C-alpha atoms as a PDB file:
ATOM      1  CA  MET A   1      10.906 -45.928 -60.696  1.00  0.00           C
ATOM      2  CA  LYS A   2       9.081 -47.972 -63.282  1.00  0.00           C
ATOM      3  CA  LYS A   3       9.436 -45.843 -66.411  1.00  0.00           C
ATOM      4  CA  LEU A   4       6.716 -46.529 -68.907  1.00  0.00           C
ATOM      5  CA  PRO A   5       8.078 -46.946 -72.437  1.00  0.00           C
ATOM      6  CA  ILE A   6       5.129 -44.998 -73.849  1.00  0.00           C
ATOM      7  CA  PHE A   7       6.571 -41.807 -72.338  1.00  0.00           C
ATOM      8  CA  ASP A   8       9.796 -42.260 -74.356  1.00  0.00           C
ATOM      9  CA  ASP A   9       8.086 -40.937 -77.484  1.00  0.00           C
ATOM     10  CA  PRO A  10       5.416 -38.301 -76.704  1.00  0.00           C
ATOM     11  CA  ASP A  11       4.189 -38.486 -80.314  1.00  0.00           C
ATOM     12  CA  ASN A  12       3.076 -42.076 -79.707  1.00  0.00           C
ATOM     13  CA  LEU A  13       0.887 -41.227 -76.717  1.00  0.00           C
ATOM     14  CA  LYS A  14      -2.752 -42.029 -77.202  1.00  0.00           C
ATOM     15  CA  ARG A  15      -5.466 -39.754 -75.951  1.00  0.00           C
ATOM     16  CA  TYR A  16      -7.085 -42.516 -73.879  1.00  0.00           C
ATOM     17  CA  TYR A  17      -6.108 -45.973 -72.624  1.00  0.00           C
ATOM     18  CA  THR A  18      -8.444 -48.741 -71.513  1.00  0.00           C
ATOM     19  CA  ILE A  19      -8.121 -50.266 -68.071  1.00  0.00           C
ATOM     20  CA  GLY A  20      -6.789 -53.440 -69.709  1.00  0.00           C
ATOM     21  CA  GLU A  21      -4.035 -51.490 -71.476  1.00  0.00           C
ATOM     22  CA  VAL A  22      -3.153 -49.698 -68.244  1.00  0.00           C
ATOM     23  CA  ALA A  23      -3.041 -52.933 -66.253  1.00  0.00           C
ATOM     24  CA  GLU A  24      -0.775 -54.441 -68.904  1.00  0.00           C
ATOM     25  CA  LEU A  25       1.538 -51.402 -68.905  1.00  0.00           C
ATOM     26  CA  PHE A  26       2.004 -51.612 -65.130  1.00  0.00           C
ATOM     27  CA  GLU A  27       1.922 -55.418 -65.042  1.00  0.00           C
ATOM     28  CA  VAL A  28      -0.841 -55.402 -62.409  1.00  0.00           C
ATOM     29  CA  THR A  29      -4.452 -56.578 -62.374  1.00  0.00           C
ATOM     30  CA  LYS A  30      -7.406 -54.468 -63.472  1.00  0.00           C
ATOM     31  CA  SER A  31      -8.874 -54.876 -59.987  1.00  0.00           C
ATOM     32  CA  LEU A  32      -5.764 -53.248 -58.482  1.00  0.00           C
ATOM     33  CA  ILE A  33      -6.169 -50.270 -60.828  1.00  0.00           C
ATOM     34  CA  ARG A  34      -9.834 -49.972 -59.749  1.00  0.00           C
ATOM     35  CA  PHE A  35      -8.784 -50.293 -56.089  1.00  0.00           C
ATOM     36  CA  TRP A  36      -6.210 -47.491 -56.449  1.00  0.00           C
ATOM     37  CA  GLU A  37      -8.844 -45.345 -58.161  1.00  0.00           C
ATOM     38  CA  GLY A  38     -11.032 -45.689 -55.076  1.00  0.00           C
ATOM     39  CA  GLU A  39      -8.183 -45.007 -52.656  1.00  0.00           C
ATOM     40  CA  PHE A  40      -6.627 -41.954 -54.324  1.00  0.00           C
ATOM     41  CA  ASP A  41      -9.026 -39.021 -54.847  1.00  0.00           C
ATOM     42  CA  PHE A  42      -6.916 -37.353 -57.513  1.00  0.00           C
ATOM     43  CA  LEU A  43      -7.045 -40.386 -59.807  1.00  0.00           C
ATOM     44  CA  LYS A  44     -10.203 -39.845 -61.821  1.00  0.00           C
ATOM     45  CA  PRO A  45     -10.195 -41.478 -65.254  1.00  0.00           C
ATOM     46  CA  HIS A  46     -12.857 -40.409 -67.716  1.00  0.00           C
ATOM     47  CA  LYS A  47     -15.774 -42.763 -68.179  1.00  0.00           C
ATOM     48  CA  ASN A  48     -17.630 -43.184 -71.446  1.00  0.00           C
ATOM     49  CA  SER A  49     -21.392 -43.569 -71.770  1.00  0.00           C
ATOM     50  CA  LYS A  50     -21.076 -47.283 -70.952  1.00  0.00           C
ATOM     51  CA  GLY A  51     -19.127 -46.488 -67.767  1.00  0.00           C
ATOM     52  CA  GLU A  52     -15.856 -47.855 -69.149  1.00  0.00           C
ATOM     53  CA  ARG A  53     -12.778 -46.152 -67.783  1.00  0.00           C
ATOM     54  CA  ARG A  54     -10.599 -44.163 -70.183  1.00  0.00           C
ATOM     55  CA  PHE A  55      -7.213 -43.217 -68.750  1.00  0.00           C
ATOM     56  CA  THR A  56      -5.381 -40.144 -70.041  1.00  0.00           C
ATOM     57  CA  PRO A  57      -1.591 -39.750 -70.155  1.00  0.00           C
ATOM     58  CA  GLN A  58      -1.970 -37.578 -67.023  1.00  0.00           C
ATOM     59  CA  ASN A  59      -3.755 -40.488 -65.300  1.00  0.00           C
ATOM     60  CA  LEU A  60      -0.851 -42.739 -66.307  1.00  0.00           C
ATOM     61  CA  GLU A  61       1.582 -40.326 -64.649  1.00  0.00           C
ATOM     62  CA  GLN A  62      -0.568 -40.391 -61.510  1.00  0.00           C
ATOM     63  CA  LEU A  63      -0.606 -44.188 -61.566  1.00  0.00           C
ATOM     64  CA  GLN A  64       3.144 -44.216 -62.100  1.00  0.00           C
ATOM     65  CA  LEU A  65       3.561 -42.220 -58.880  1.00  0.00           C
ATOM     66  CA  ILE A  66       1.207 -44.543 -56.977  1.00  0.00           C
ATOM     67  CA  TYR A  67       2.996 -47.595 -58.392  1.00  0.00           C
ATOM     68  CA  GLU A  68       6.381 -46.242 -57.352  1.00  0.00           C
ATOM     69  CA  LEU A  69       5.272 -45.462 -53.817  1.00  0.00           C
ATOM     70  CA  VAL A  70       3.286 -48.639 -53.158  1.00  0.00           C
ATOM     71  CA  LYS A  71       4.990 -51.329 -55.225  1.00  0.00           C
ATOM     72  CA  GLU A  72       8.592 -50.129 -55.468  1.00  0.00           C
ATOM     73  CA  ARG A  73       9.126 -48.184 -52.251  1.00  0.00           C
ATOM     74  CA  GLY A  74       6.811 -50.249 -50.038  1.00  0.00           C
ATOM     75  CA  PHE A  75       4.502 -47.503 -48.783  1.00  0.00           C
ATOM     76  CA  THR A  76       1.137 -48.452 -47.354  1.00  0.00           C
ATOM     77  CA  ILE A  77      -1.883 -46.886 -49.072  1.00  0.00           C
ATOM     78  CA  ASP A  78      -2.217 -44.383 -46.220  1.00  0.00           C
ATOM     79  CA  GLY A  79       1.514 -43.666 -46.287  1.00  0.00           C
ATOM     80  CA  ALA A  80       1.380 -43.117 -50.056  1.00  0.00           C
ATOM     81  CA  ARG A  81      -1.514 -40.677 -49.617  1.00  0.00           C
ATOM     82  CA  GLN A  82       0.488 -38.736 -47.020  1.00  0.00           C
ATOM     83  CA  GLU A  83       3.576 -38.707 -49.238  1.00  0.00           C
ATOM     84  CA  ILE A  84       1.543 -37.425 -52.198  1.00  0.00           C
ATOM     85  CA  ARG A  85       0.011 -34.673 -50.028  1.00  0.00           C
ATOM     86  CA  ARG A  86       3.482 -33.727 -48.801  1.00  0.00           C
ATOM     87  CA  HIS A  87       4.783 -33.679 -52.367  1.00  0.00           C
ATOM     88  CA  LEU A  88       1.868 -31.521 -53.594  1.00  0.00           C
ATOM     89  CA  LYS A  89       2.406 -29.057 -50.736  1.00  0.00           C
ATOM     90  CA  TRP A  90       6.107 -28.868 -51.596  1.00  0.00           C
ATOM     91  CA  GLU A  91       5.246 -28.245 -55.274  1.00  0.00           C
ATOM     92  CA  GLU A  92       2.906 -25.396 -54.260  1.00  0.00           C
ATOM     93  CA  GLU A  93       5.597 -23.858 -52.050  1.00  0.00           C
ATOM     94  CA  LYS A  94       8.146 -24.214 -54.849  1.00  0.00           C
ATOM     95  CA  ALA A  95       5.804 -22.530 -57.346  1.00  0.00           C
ATOM     96  CA  GLY A  96       5.237 -19.663 -54.889  1.00  0.00           C
ATOM     97  CA  MET A  97       8.970 -19.241 -54.372  1.00  0.00           C
ATOM     98  CA  ILE A  98       9.612 -19.220 -58.119  1.00  0.00           C
ATOM     99  CA  LYS A  99       6.916 -16.565 -58.555  1.00  0.00           C
ATOM    100  CA  ARG A 100       8.503 -14.394 -55.833  1.00  0.00           C
ATOM    101  CA  LEU A 101      11.981 -14.845 -57.312  1.00  0.00           C
ATOM    102  CA  LYS A 102      10.713 -13.789 -60.740  1.00  0.00           C
ATOM    103  CA  ARG A 103       9.257 -10.608 -59.213  1.00  0.00           C
ATOM    104  CA  VAL A 104      12.568  -9.877 -57.473  1.00  0.00           C
ATOM    105  CA  HIS A 105      14.453 -10.541 -60.710  1.00  0.00           C
ATOM    106  CA  LYS A 106      12.153  -8.185 -62.630  1.00  0.00           C
ATOM    107  CA  GLY A 107      12.624  -5.514 -59.960  1.00  0.00           C
ATOM    108  CA  LEU A 108      16.401  -5.881 -60.023  1.00  0.00           C
ATOM    109  CA  LYS A 109      16.420  -5.665 -63.821  1.00  0.00           C
ATOM    110  CA  GLY A 110      14.383  -2.456 -63.581  1.00  0.00           C
ATOM    111  CA  ILE A 111      16.867  -0.975 -61.109  1.00  0.00           C
ATOM    112  CA  LEU A 112      19.790  -2.009 -63.307  1.00  0.00           C
ATOM    113  CA  GLU A 113      18.192  -0.460 -66.378  1.00  0.00           C
ATOM    114  CA  SER A 114      17.534   2.802 -64.521  1.00  0.00           C
ATOM    115  CA  LEU A 115      21.177   3.198 -63.478  1.00  0.00           C
ATOM    116  CA  PRO A 116      23.166   5.637 -65.601  1.00  0.00           C
ATOM    117  CA  GLU A 117      25.668   4.038 -67.961  1.00  0.00           C
ATOM    118  CA  SER A 118      29.281   4.775 -67.177  1.00  0.00           C
END
């Protein structure tokens, strides 16, 4: 996966990046960034009063995922969309499982604490 050097030092992250900066980071054209924005619903950079895109660090992470799927792993746009949906569903299931496991853990701790000491 193309690891962006800006993520190496979180203190150096800017609040917003221009489309030119983003294109340079990923070594792609600005038009490709705009194309991906239109193809992937979840990628929604902020726009200032002039309509200029302002990408957040979260947007960069989203673009990093798109870049990996399309450019590095060879997915089609539709295939990348499906893979992202599958990944998001898996993340939701994982979060639900973690929540259930925490409840079980809490319950077991309560039972353990209620047992008489020997």
